[in-house]
Amino acid sequence: MGHNHTHGGNKKTLTIAFIIITGYMFVEAIGGILTNSLALLSDAGHMLSDSISLAIALVAFRLGEKASNNKKTYGYKRFEVLAAVINGITLILIALYIFYEAIQRFIAPPEVASTGMLMISIVGLLINILVAWIMLRGGDTKENLNLRAAFLHVMSDMLGSVAAIIAAILIMLFNWGWADPIASVIVAVLVFVSGIRVTNSAIHILMEGTPTNIDLNVIIKIFEKVEGVKNIHDLHVWTITSGQHALSCHAVVDGGLTINDSQKILRLIEHELEHQGIGHVTIQLESNKNSHENSILCKVENGNHDHNHEH
């Protein structure tokens, strides 16, 4: 129930954010063309990437609701991670284009309608503050990769609007035309950093990396504290999709344990792991009489299992 409530909240938050961001993106793009401001056009480009990001995230939520089947046993939950990779790469490409345009403007600074630029930038800042507040109030910006990515975009948009406001004031007071491309470069840096972060997080999940909010040493200690468990090996912890983590391992137990004892051990471990945010658990119990070589992690090389002690 908790997961469904969060899921619904995230979807509603994304829908509201998408409508607001997309609507103001058009305003900022038209304003950027009319005022001849690259800073505004850069921010509009960033908002376009936000809009696409939010649209893909909404599609990902829709697909994630589809039931699993024989060909896709986890359903379509991983589409969210693929969406995050697409969003991250899009951000990086937009940032590179803004850098290119800024260089052209440094070479030949055009006239900028600073008053219109200032007004549109202030409204843009207020819009971003509103969207960020909606996301913090109604969505899971910590655990959900797509929502976190969208929130990072909005935060960097907010800073971009501040840069555009400062640039407009400098042009109005001192006629510093170079302030506009400087502001666009600041936006581009923010966009680029957001793109790198989102892409790295998504690729880490696709590479079956250990979830960043889970300490493997804590997980190992949970097993070690359970009476009857001698050691563990072939331990793997990974993320299926945002907020859904999985674990599999082999646990070596006393040979004299009954089936009831083994079930109690499994239930205890599953309960402890649930507190660590791991909901999908697969544990193979083995007798210490016929267990594998004592190793925590399983290293695969050239298609063969090579157990190396890394604990």
C-alpha atoms as a PDB file:
ATOM      1  CA  MET A   1       0.000   0.000   0.000  1.00  0.00           C
ATOM      2  CA  GLY A   2       2.825   2.401   0.910  1.00  0.00           C
ATOM      3  CA  HIS A   3       4.569   1.792  -2.403  1.00  0.00           C
ATOM      4  CA  ASN A   4       1.341   2.326  -4.365  1.00  0.00           C
ATOM      5  CA  HIS A   5       0.632   5.555  -2.478  1.00  0.00           C
ATOM      6  CA  THR A   6       4.135   6.849  -3.238  1.00  0.00           C
ATOM      7  CA  HIS A   7       3.822   5.736  -6.854  1.00  0.00           C
ATOM      8  CA  GLY A   8       0.516   7.603  -7.238  1.00  0.00           C
ATOM      9  CA  GLY A   9       1.954  10.690  -5.547  1.00  0.00           C
ATOM     10  CA  ASN A  10       4.986  10.668  -7.832  1.00  0.00           C
ATOM     11  CA  LYS A  11       2.821  10.352 -10.950  1.00  0.00           C
ATOM     12  CA  LYS A  12       0.525  13.210  -9.884  1.00  0.00           C
ATOM     13  CA  THR A  13       3.514  15.410  -9.014  1.00  0.00           C
ATOM     14  CA  LEU A  14       5.157  14.701 -12.381  1.00  0.00           C
ATOM     15  CA  THR A  15       1.923  15.509 -14.247  1.00  0.00           C
ATOM     16  CA  ILE A  16       1.516  18.902 -12.529  1.00  0.00           C
ATOM     17  CA  ALA A  17       5.224  19.713 -13.003  1.00  0.00           C
ATOM     18  CA  PHE A  18       5.031  18.718 -16.693  1.00  0.00           C
ATOM     19  CA  ILE A  19       2.077  21.044 -17.381  1.00  0.00           C
ATOM     20  CA  ILE A  20       3.697  24.039 -15.630  1.00  0.00           C
ATOM     21  CA  ILE A  21       7.209  23.523 -17.083  1.00  0.00           C
ATOM     22  CA  THR A  22       5.983  22.900 -20.650  1.00  0.00           C
ATOM     23  CA  GLY A  23       3.670  25.923 -20.555  1.00  0.00           C
ATOM     24  CA  TYR A  24       6.369  28.322 -19.375  1.00  0.00           C
ATOM     25  CA  MET A  25       8.967  26.822 -21.726  1.00  0.00           C
ATOM     26  CA  PHE A  26       7.038  28.302 -24.670  1.00  0.00           C
ATOM     27  CA  VAL A  27       6.820  31.675 -22.912  1.00  0.00           C
ATOM     28  CA  GLU A  28      10.573  31.704 -22.250  1.00  0.00           C
ATOM     29  CA  ALA A  29      11.465  30.555 -25.785  1.00  0.00           C
ATOM     30  CA  ILE A  30       9.316  33.289 -27.372  1.00  0.00           C
ATOM     31  CA  GLY A  31      10.729  35.808 -24.877  1.00  0.00           C
ATOM     32  CA  GLY A  32      14.285  34.739 -25.709  1.00  0.00           C
ATOM     33  CA  ILE A  33      13.654  35.266 -29.442  1.00  0.00           C
ATOM     34  CA  LEU A  34      11.951  38.670 -28.938  1.00  0.00           C
ATOM     35  CA  THR A  35      14.639  39.981 -26.527  1.00  0.00           C
ATOM     36  CA  ASN A  36      17.518  38.306 -28.421  1.00  0.00           C
ATOM     37  CA  SER A  37      18.772  36.773 -25.143  1.00  0.00           C
ATOM     38  CA  LEU A  38      20.823  33.573 -25.333  1.00  0.00           C
ATOM     39  CA  ALA A  39      20.498  33.201 -21.542  1.00  0.00           C
ATOM     40  CA  LEU A  40      16.707  32.989 -21.887  1.00  0.00           C
ATOM     41  CA  LEU A  41      16.921  30.684 -24.921  1.00  0.00           C
ATOM     42  CA  SER A  42      19.391  28.470 -22.992  1.00  0.00           C
ATOM     43  CA  ASP A  43      16.997  28.319 -20.060  1.00  0.00           C
ATOM     44  CA  ALA A  44      14.135  27.526 -22.464  1.00  0.00           C
ATOM     45  CA  GLY A  45      16.291  24.725 -23.924  1.00  0.00           C
ATOM     46  CA  HIS A  46      16.866  23.428 -20.420  1.00  0.00           C
ATOM     47  CA  MET A  47      13.125  23.610 -19.764  1.00  0.00           C
ATOM     48  CA  LEU A  48      12.541  21.676 -23.008  1.00  0.00           C
ATOM     49  CA  SER A  49      14.828  18.920 -21.705  1.00  0.00           C
ATOM     50  CA  ASP A  50      12.899  19.039 -18.398  1.00  0.00           C
ATOM     51  CA  SER A  51       9.618  18.731 -20.282  1.00  0.00           C
ATOM     52  CA  ILE A  52      10.887  15.748 -22.303  1.00  0.00           C
ATOM     53  CA  SER A  53      12.328  14.241 -19.110  1.00  0.00           C
ATOM     54  CA  LEU A  54       8.994  14.563 -17.303  1.00  0.00           C
ATOM     55  CA  ALA A  55       7.080  13.136 -20.296  1.00  0.00           C
ATOM     56  CA  ILE A  56       9.401  10.091 -20.448  1.00  0.00           C
ATOM     57  CA  ALA A  57       9.119   9.692 -16.670  1.00  0.00           C
ATOM     58  CA  LEU A  58       5.322   9.646 -16.934  1.00  0.00           C
ATOM     59  CA  VAL A  59       5.519   7.034 -19.714  1.00  0.00           C
ATOM     60  CA  ALA A  60       7.901   5.036 -17.494  1.00  0.00           C
ATOM     61  CA  PHE A  61       5.387   5.115 -14.629  1.00  0.00           C
ATOM     62  CA  ARG A  62       2.641   3.955 -16.991  1.00  0.00           C
ATOM     63  CA  LEU A  63       4.760   1.093 -18.333  1.00  0.00           C
ATOM     64  CA  GLY A  64       5.892   0.221 -14.798  1.00  0.00           C
ATOM     65  CA  GLU A  65       2.254  -0.468 -13.920  1.00  0.00           C
ATOM     66  CA  LYS A  66       2.040  -3.187 -16.589  1.00  0.00           C
ATOM     67  CA  ALA A  67       2.074  -6.700 -15.188  1.00  0.00           C
ATOM     68  CA  SER A  68       5.084  -8.976 -15.558  1.00  0.00           C
ATOM     69  CA  ASN A  69       4.878 -11.829 -18.058  1.00  0.00           C
ATOM     70  CA  ASN A  70       6.845 -14.891 -19.176  1.00  0.00           C
ATOM     71  CA  LYS A  71       9.204 -12.812 -21.320  1.00  0.00           C
ATOM     72  CA  LYS A  72       9.625  -9.898 -18.862  1.00  0.00           C
ATOM     73  CA  THR A  73       9.539 -11.364 -15.376  1.00  0.00           C
ATOM     74  CA  TYR A  74      10.174  -7.953 -13.750  1.00  0.00           C
ATOM     75  CA  GLY A  75       7.582  -6.311 -16.007  1.00  0.00           C
ATOM     76  CA  TYR A  76       8.568  -2.936 -17.481  1.00  0.00           C
ATOM     77  CA  LYS A  77       9.956  -1.379 -14.302  1.00  0.00           C
ATOM     78  CA  ARG A  78      13.455  -1.013 -15.773  1.00  0.00           C
ATOM     79  CA  PHE A  79      12.134   1.354 -18.481  1.00  0.00           C
ATOM     80  CA  GLU A  80      12.419   4.092 -15.857  1.00  0.00           C
ATOM     81  CA  VAL A  81      16.180   3.553 -15.721  1.00  0.00           C
ATOM     82  CA  LEU A  82      16.488   3.582 -19.520  1.00  0.00           C
ATOM     83  CA  ALA A  83      14.456   6.831 -19.513  1.00  0.00           C
ATOM     84  CA  ALA A  84      16.935   8.340 -17.064  1.00  0.00           C
ATOM     85  CA  VAL A  85      19.863   7.450 -19.384  1.00  0.00           C
ATOM     86  CA  ILE A  86      18.064   9.123 -22.325  1.00  0.00           C
ATOM     87  CA  ASN A  87      17.366  12.207 -20.178  1.00  0.00           C
ATOM     88  CA  GLY A  88      20.968  12.431 -18.993  1.00  0.00           C
ATOM     89  CA  ILE A  89      22.439  12.181 -22.491  1.00  0.00           C
ATOM     90  CA  THR A  90      19.909  14.758 -23.773  1.00  0.00           C
ATOM     91  CA  LEU A  91      21.006  17.193 -21.061  1.00  0.00           C
ATOM     92  CA  ILE A  92      24.687  16.743 -21.964  1.00  0.00           C
ATOM     93  CA  LEU A  93      23.982  17.392 -25.679  1.00  0.00           C
ATOM     94  CA  ILE A  94      21.941  20.531 -24.874  1.00  0.00           C
ATOM     95  CA  ALA A  95      24.759  21.816 -22.638  1.00  0.00           C
ATOM     96  CA  LEU A  96      27.331  21.331 -25.426  1.00  0.00           C
ATOM     97  CA  TYR A  97      25.106  23.230 -27.879  1.00  0.00           C
ATOM     98  CA  ILE A  98      24.699  26.138 -25.420  1.00  0.00           C
ATOM     99  CA  PHE A  99      28.513  26.279 -25.009  1.00  0.00           C
ATOM    100  CA  TYR A 100      28.863  26.509 -28.795  1.00  0.00           C
ATOM    101  CA  GLU A 101      26.282  29.309 -29.069  1.00  0.00           C
ATOM    102  CA  ALA A 102      27.880  31.224 -26.166  1.00  0.00           C
ATOM    103  CA  ILE A 103      31.278  31.203 -27.933  1.00  0.00           C
ATOM    104  CA  GLN A 104      29.636  32.763 -31.017  1.00  0.00           C
ATOM    105  CA  ARG A 105      28.123  35.493 -28.827  1.00  0.00           C
ATOM    106  CA  PHE A 106      31.429  36.245 -27.132  1.00  0.00           C
ATOM    107  CA  ILE A 107      32.930  36.833 -30.577  1.00  0.00           C
ATOM    108  CA  ALA A 108      30.061  39.111 -31.706  1.00  0.00           C
ATOM    109  CA  PRO A 109      27.797  40.230 -28.791  1.00  0.00           C
ATOM    110  CA  PRO A 110      24.327  41.181 -30.124  1.00  0.00           C
ATOM    111  CA  GLU A 111      21.919  43.779 -28.721  1.00  0.00           C
ATOM    112  CA  VAL A 112      19.724  42.374 -25.941  1.00  0.00           C
ATOM    113  CA  ALA A 113      16.378  43.798 -24.755  1.00  0.00           C
ATOM    114  CA  SER A 114      17.383  43.696 -21.103  1.00  0.00           C
ATOM    115  CA  THR A 115      14.072  44.906 -19.577  1.00  0.00           C
ATOM    116  CA  GLY A 116      12.043  42.140 -21.231  1.00  0.00           C
ATOM    117  CA  MET A 117      14.803  39.640 -20.399  1.00  0.00           C
ATOM    118  CA  LEU A 118      14.658  40.694 -16.721  1.00  0.00           C
ATOM    119  CA  MET A 119      10.864  40.366 -16.461  1.00  0.00           C
ATOM    120  CA  ILE A 120      10.761  36.940 -18.130  1.00  0.00           C
ATOM    121  CA  SER A 121      13.686  35.694 -15.961  1.00  0.00           C
ATOM    122  CA  ILE A 122      11.944  36.778 -12.734  1.00  0.00           C
ATOM    123  CA  VAL A 123       8.733  34.976 -13.720  1.00  0.00           C
ATOM    124  CA  GLY A 124      10.857  31.933 -14.708  1.00  0.00           C
ATOM    125  CA  LEU A 125      12.475  31.919 -11.264  1.00  0.00           C
ATOM    126  CA  LEU A 126       9.067  32.024  -9.554  1.00  0.00           C
ATOM    127  CA  ILE A 127       7.795  29.189 -11.781  1.00  0.00           C
ATOM    128  CA  ASN A 128      10.831  27.024 -10.901  1.00  0.00           C
ATOM    129  CA  ILE A 129      10.403  27.724  -7.174  1.00  0.00           C
ATOM    130  CA  LEU A 130       6.733  26.674  -7.436  1.00  0.00           C
ATOM    131  CA  VAL A 131       7.567  23.431  -9.307  1.00  0.00           C
ATOM    132  CA  ALA A 132      10.407  22.574  -6.883  1.00  0.00           C
ATOM    133  CA  TRP A 133       8.025  23.090  -3.936  1.00  0.00           C
ATOM    134  CA  ILE A 134       5.369  20.866  -5.572  1.00  0.00           C
ATOM    135  CA  MET A 135       7.980  18.126  -6.139  1.00  0.00           C
ATOM    136  CA  LEU A 136       9.278  18.268  -2.561  1.00  0.00           C
ATOM    137  CA  ARG A 137       5.751  18.200  -1.117  1.00  0.00           C
ATOM    138  CA  GLY A 138       4.176  15.536  -3.308  1.00  0.00           C
ATOM    139  CA  GLY A 139       6.947  13.288  -4.630  1.00  0.00           C
ATOM    140  CA  ASP A 140       9.799  11.018  -3.586  1.00  0.00           C
ATOM    141  CA  THR A 141      12.773  13.116  -4.753  1.00  0.00           C
ATOM    142  CA  LYS A 142      15.264  11.012  -2.744  1.00  0.00           C
ATOM    143  CA  GLU A 143      14.559   7.433  -3.828  1.00  0.00           C
ATOM    144  CA  ASN A 144      12.868   7.718  -7.234  1.00  0.00           C
ATOM    145  CA  LEU A 145      15.494   8.140  -9.955  1.00  0.00           C
ATOM    146  CA  ASN A 146      13.210   9.823 -12.491  1.00  0.00           C
ATOM    147  CA  LEU A 147      11.703  12.258  -9.997  1.00  0.00           C
ATOM    148  CA  ARG A 148      15.139  13.047  -8.568  1.00  0.00           C
ATOM    149  CA  ALA A 149      16.436  13.697 -12.097  1.00  0.00           C
ATOM    150  CA  ALA A 150      13.510  16.036 -12.809  1.00  0.00           C
ATOM    151  CA  PHE A 151      14.041  17.801  -9.464  1.00  0.00           C
ATOM    152  CA  LEU A 152      17.745  18.332 -10.250  1.00  0.00           C
ATOM    153  CA  HIS A 153      16.741  19.834 -13.607  1.00  0.00           C
ATOM    154  CA  VAL A 154      14.329  22.227 -11.910  1.00  0.00           C
ATOM    155  CA  MET A 155      16.951  23.260  -9.319  1.00  0.00           C
ATOM    156  CA  SER A 156      19.532  24.005 -12.009  1.00  0.00           C
ATOM    157  CA  ASP A 157      16.801  25.834 -13.971  1.00  0.00           C
ATOM    158  CA  MET A 158      16.231  27.935 -10.872  1.00  0.00           C
ATOM    159  CA  LEU A 159      19.924  28.867 -10.680  1.00  0.00           C
ATOM    160  CA  GLY A 160      19.864  29.537 -14.435  1.00  0.00           C
ATOM    161  CA  SER A 161      17.005  32.025 -13.937  1.00  0.00           C
ATOM    162  CA  VAL A 162      19.032  33.761 -11.220  1.00  0.00           C
ATOM    163  CA  ALA A 163      21.992  34.000 -13.634  1.00  0.00           C
ATOM    164  CA  ALA A 164      19.720  35.481 -16.330  1.00  0.00           C
ATOM    165  CA  ILE A 165      18.309  38.046 -13.849  1.00  0.00           C
ATOM    166  CA  ILE A 166      21.831  39.146 -12.857  1.00  0.00           C
ATOM    167  CA  ALA A 167      22.866  39.338 -16.538  1.00  0.00           C
ATOM    168  CA  ALA A 168      19.812  41.473 -17.399  1.00  0.00           C
ATOM    169  CA  ILE A 169      20.569  43.891 -14.538  1.00  0.00           C
ATOM    170  CA  LEU A 170      24.244  44.186 -15.608  1.00  0.00           C
ATOM    171  CA  ILE A 171      23.195  44.923 -19.210  1.00  0.00           C
ATOM    172  CA  MET A 172      20.653  47.538 -18.018  1.00  0.00           C
ATOM    173  CA  LEU A 173      23.057  49.306 -15.625  1.00  0.00           C
ATOM    174  CA  PHE A 174      26.438  49.007 -17.357  1.00  0.00           C
ATOM    175  CA  ASN A 175      25.578  47.892 -20.912  1.00  0.00           C
ATOM    176  CA  TRP A 176      27.748  44.779 -20.417  1.00  0.00           C
ATOM    177  CA  GLY A 177      26.615  42.717 -23.424  1.00  0.00           C
ATOM    178  CA  TRP A 178      28.968  39.858 -22.504  1.00  0.00           C
ATOM    179  CA  ALA A 179      26.885  39.208 -19.345  1.00  0.00           C
ATOM    180  CA  ASP A 180      24.283  37.368 -21.479  1.00  0.00           C
ATOM    181  CA  PRO A 181      26.646  34.696 -22.889  1.00  0.00           C
ATOM    182  CA  ILE A 182      28.305  34.415 -19.437  1.00  0.00           C
ATOM    183  CA  ALA A 183      24.875  33.640 -17.915  1.00  0.00           C
ATOM    184  CA  SER A 184      24.205  31.076 -20.661  1.00  0.00           C
ATOM    185  CA  VAL A 185      27.561  29.380 -19.921  1.00  0.00           C
ATOM    186  CA  ILE A 186      26.575  29.148 -16.221  1.00  0.00           C
ATOM    187  CA  VAL A 187      23.285  27.516 -17.284  1.00  0.00           C
ATOM    188  CA  ALA A 188      25.187  25.152 -19.606  1.00  0.00           C
ATOM    189  CA  VAL A 189      27.516  24.068 -16.779  1.00  0.00           C
ATOM    190  CA  LEU A 190      24.513  23.350 -14.529  1.00  0.00           C
ATOM    191  CA  VAL A 191      22.787  21.408 -17.324  1.00  0.00           C
ATOM    192  CA  PHE A 192      25.976  19.438 -18.048  1.00  0.00           C
ATOM    193  CA  VAL A 193      26.534  18.510 -14.379  1.00  0.00           C
ATOM    194  CA  SER A 194      22.881  17.399 -14.017  1.00  0.00           C
ATOM    195  CA  GLY A 195      23.232  15.276 -17.166  1.00  0.00           C
ATOM    196  CA  ILE A 196      26.401  13.576 -15.898  1.00  0.00           C
ATOM    197  CA  ARG A 197      24.831  12.844 -12.482  1.00  0.00           C
ATOM    198  CA  VAL A 198      21.626  11.388 -13.889  1.00  0.00           C
ATOM    199  CA  THR A 199      23.482   9.293 -16.501  1.00  0.00           C
ATOM    200  CA  ASN A 200      25.970   7.933 -13.926  1.00  0.00           C
ATOM    201  CA  SER A 201      23.166   6.959 -11.517  1.00  0.00           C
ATOM    202  CA  ALA A 202      21.210   5.184 -14.254  1.00  0.00           C
ATOM    203  CA  ILE A 203      24.258   3.353 -15.657  1.00  0.00           C
ATOM    204  CA  HIS A 204      25.192   2.231 -12.113  1.00  0.00           C
ATOM    205  CA  ILE A 205      21.755   0.581 -11.849  1.00  0.00           C
ATOM    206  CA  LEU A 206      21.998  -0.991 -15.322  1.00  0.00           C
ATOM    207  CA  MET A 207      25.427  -2.395 -14.356  1.00  0.00           C
ATOM    208  CA  GLU A 208      23.756  -4.082 -11.341  1.00  0.00           C
ATOM    209  CA  GLY A 209      25.802  -1.914  -8.966  1.00  0.00           C
ATOM    210  CA  THR A 210      25.184  -1.998  -5.220  1.00  0.00           C
ATOM    211  CA  PRO A 211      22.497   0.606  -4.372  1.00  0.00           C
ATOM    212  CA  THR A 212      24.152   3.819  -3.163  1.00  0.00           C
ATOM    213  CA  ASN A 213      22.019   3.941  -0.001  1.00  0.00           C
ATOM    214  CA  ILE A 214      22.957   0.388   1.069  1.00  0.00           C
ATOM    215  CA  ASP A 215      26.148  -0.485   2.960  1.00  0.00           C
ATOM    216  CA  LEU A 216      27.251  -4.014   2.041  1.00  0.00           C
ATOM    217  CA  ASN A 217      29.156  -4.390   5.339  1.00  0.00           C
ATOM    218  CA  VAL A 218      25.912  -3.774   7.269  1.00  0.00           C
ATOM    219  CA  ILE A 219      24.188  -6.463   5.172  1.00  0.00           C
ATOM    220  CA  ILE A 220      26.994  -8.959   5.891  1.00  0.00           C
ATOM    221  CA  LYS A 221      26.748  -8.238   9.650  1.00  0.00           C
ATOM    222  CA  ILE A 222      23.003  -8.969   9.566  1.00  0.00           C
ATOM    223  CA  PHE A 223      23.794 -12.524   8.397  1.00  0.00           C
ATOM    224  CA  GLU A 224      26.705 -12.929  10.818  1.00  0.00           C
ATOM    225  CA  LYS A 225      24.526 -12.037  13.832  1.00  0.00           C
ATOM    226  CA  VAL A 226      21.929 -14.727  13.078  1.00  0.00           C
ATOM    227  CA  GLU A 227      22.434 -17.840  15.212  1.00  0.00           C
ATOM    228  CA  GLY A 228      22.950 -20.919  13.044  1.00  0.00           C
ATOM    229  CA  VAL A 229      24.480 -19.074  10.067  1.00  0.00           C
ATOM    230  CA  LYS A 230      28.169 -19.961   9.687  1.00  0.00           C
ATOM    231  CA  ASN A 231      29.055 -17.800   6.678  1.00  0.00           C
ATOM    232  CA  ILE A 232      27.703 -16.516   3.356  1.00  0.00           C
ATOM    233  CA  HIS A 233      28.976 -16.448  -0.220  1.00  0.00           C
ATOM    234  CA  ASP A 234      27.854 -15.381  -3.706  1.00  0.00           C
ATOM    235  CA  LEU A 235      26.288 -12.243  -2.223  1.00  0.00           C
ATOM    236  CA  HIS A 236      24.664  -9.862  -4.728  1.00  0.00           C
ATOM    237  CA  VAL A 237      22.655  -6.707  -4.011  1.00  0.00           C
ATOM    238  CA  TRP A 238      21.205  -4.678  -6.884  1.00  0.00           C
ATOM    239  CA  THR A 239      18.400  -2.292  -7.864  1.00  0.00           C
ATOM    240  CA  ILE A 240      15.456  -3.401 -10.007  1.00  0.00           C
ATOM    241  CA  THR A 241      14.092   0.150 -10.303  1.00  0.00           C
ATOM    242  CA  SER A 242      13.922   3.204  -8.032  1.00  0.00           C
ATOM    243  CA  GLY A 243      13.107   2.187  -4.462  1.00  0.00           C
ATOM    244  CA  GLN A 244      13.061  -1.550  -5.267  1.00  0.00           C
ATOM    245  CA  HIS A 245      16.221  -3.405  -4.257  1.00  0.00           C
ATOM    246  CA  ALA A 246      16.971  -7.127  -4.485  1.00  0.00           C
ATOM    247  CA  LEU A 247      19.431  -9.505  -2.813  1.00  0.00           C
ATOM    248  CA  SER A 248      20.559 -13.044  -3.497  1.00  0.00           C
ATOM    249  CA  CYS A 249      23.151 -15.158  -1.694  1.00  0.00           C
ATOM    250  CA  HIS A 250      24.089 -18.592  -0.377  1.00  0.00           C
ATOM    251  CA  ALA A 251      24.050 -18.953   3.419  1.00  0.00           C
ATOM    252  CA  VAL A 252      25.929 -21.829   5.067  1.00  0.00           C
ATOM    253  CA  VAL A 253      24.070 -23.103   8.172  1.00  0.00           C
ATOM    254  CA  ASP A 254      24.560 -25.792  10.805  1.00  0.00           C
ATOM    255  CA  GLY A 255      23.984 -29.258   9.387  1.00  0.00           C
ATOM    256  CA  GLY A 256      21.765 -30.271  12.310  1.00  0.00           C
ATOM    257  CA  LEU A 257      19.091 -27.581  11.782  1.00  0.00           C
ATOM    258  CA  THR A 258      15.504 -28.704  11.195  1.00  0.00           C
ATOM    259  CA  ILE A 259      13.267 -27.321   8.425  1.00  0.00           C
ATOM    260  CA  ASN A 260      11.442 -25.166  11.019  1.00  0.00           C
ATOM    261  CA  ASP A 261      14.772 -23.763  12.247  1.00  0.00           C
ATOM    262  CA  SER A 262      15.752 -22.931   8.677  1.00  0.00           C
ATOM    263  CA  GLN A 263      12.420 -21.178   8.054  1.00  0.00           C
ATOM    264  CA  LYS A 264      12.868 -19.103  11.225  1.00  0.00           C
ATOM    265  CA  ILE A 265      16.353 -18.071  10.063  1.00  0.00           C
ATOM    266  CA  LEU A 266      15.007 -17.041   6.654  1.00  0.00           C
ATOM    267  CA  ARG A 267      12.133 -15.013   8.162  1.00  0.00           C
ATOM    268  CA  LEU A 268      14.491 -13.254  10.586  1.00  0.00           C
ATOM    269  CA  ILE A 269      16.957 -12.322   7.847  1.00  0.00           C
ATOM    270  CA  GLU A 270      14.168 -11.150   5.497  1.00  0.00           C
ATOM    271  CA  HIS A 271      12.723  -8.971   8.278  1.00  0.00           C
ATOM    272  CA  GLU A 272      16.118  -7.365   8.981  1.00  0.00           C
ATOM    273  CA  LEU A 273      16.813  -6.812   5.270  1.00  0.00           C
ATOM    274  CA  GLU A 274      13.418  -5.173   4.817  1.00  0.00           C
ATOM    275  CA  HIS A 275      14.503  -2.529   7.339  1.00  0.00           C
ATOM    276  CA  GLN A 276      17.504  -1.895   5.073  1.00  0.00           C
ATOM    277  CA  GLY A 277      15.199  -1.241   2.111  1.00  0.00           C
ATOM    278  CA  ILE A 278      15.639  -4.641   0.431  1.00  0.00           C
ATOM    279  CA  GLY A 279      12.262  -6.139  -0.443  1.00  0.00           C
ATOM    280  CA  HIS A 280      13.187  -8.898  -2.926  1.00  0.00           C
ATOM    281  CA  VAL A 281      15.273 -11.556  -1.145  1.00  0.00           C
ATOM    282  CA  THR A 282      16.475 -14.934  -2.444  1.00  0.00           C
ATOM    283  CA  ILE A 283      18.612 -16.970  -0.027  1.00  0.00           C
ATOM    284  CA  GLN A 284      19.859 -20.498  -0.706  1.00  0.00           C
ATOM    285  CA  LEU A 285      20.597 -22.342   2.526  1.00  0.00           C
ATOM    286  CA  GLU A 286      23.442 -24.875   2.484  1.00  0.00           C
ATOM    287  CA  SER A 287      24.708 -27.339   5.049  1.00  0.00           C
ATOM    288  CA  ASN A 288      28.234 -26.634   6.310  1.00  0.00           C
ATOM    289  CA  LYS A 289      29.054 -30.244   5.388  1.00  0.00           C
ATOM    290  CA  ASN A 290      28.721 -29.693   1.638  1.00  0.00           C
ATOM    291  CA  SER A 291      29.073 -25.923   1.148  1.00  0.00           C
ATOM    292  CA  HIS A 292      31.164 -23.974  -1.353  1.00  0.00           C
ATOM    293  CA  GLU A 293      34.525 -22.436  -0.607  1.00  0.00           C
ATOM    294  CA  ASN A 294      34.088 -19.710   2.031  1.00  0.00           C
ATOM    295  CA  SER A 295      33.746 -16.455   0.050  1.00  0.00           C
ATOM    296  CA  ILE A 296      31.432 -13.464   0.297  1.00  0.00           C
ATOM    297  CA  LEU A 297      31.334 -12.180  -3.261  1.00  0.00           C
ATOM    298  CA  CYS A 298      31.195 -14.158  -6.484  1.00  0.00           C
ATOM    299  CA  LYS A 299      33.586 -13.055  -9.216  1.00  0.00           C
ATOM    300  CA  VAL A 300      32.887 -14.268 -12.757  1.00  0.00           C
ATOM    301  CA  GLU A 301      35.795 -14.417 -15.194  1.00  0.00           C
ATOM    302  CA  ASN A 302      35.767 -15.831 -18.739  1.00  0.00           C
ATOM    303  CA  GLY A 303      32.429 -17.490 -18.126  1.00  0.00           C
ATOM    304  CA  ASN A 304      33.730 -19.507 -15.142  1.00  0.00           C
ATOM    305  CA  HIS A 305      32.949 -18.899 -11.471  1.00  0.00           C
ATOM    306  CA  ASP A 306      36.113 -17.901  -9.645  1.00  0.00           C
ATOM    307  CA  HIS A 307      35.459 -17.404  -5.939  1.00  0.00           C
ATOM    308  CA  ASN A 308      37.731 -14.789  -4.415  1.00  0.00           C
ATOM    309  CA  HIS A 309      37.601 -13.926  -0.724  1.00  0.00           C
ATOM    310  CA  GLU A 310      36.938 -10.158  -0.644  1.00  0.00           C
ATOM    311  CA  HIS A 311      35.564  -9.755   2.842  1.00  0.00           C
END
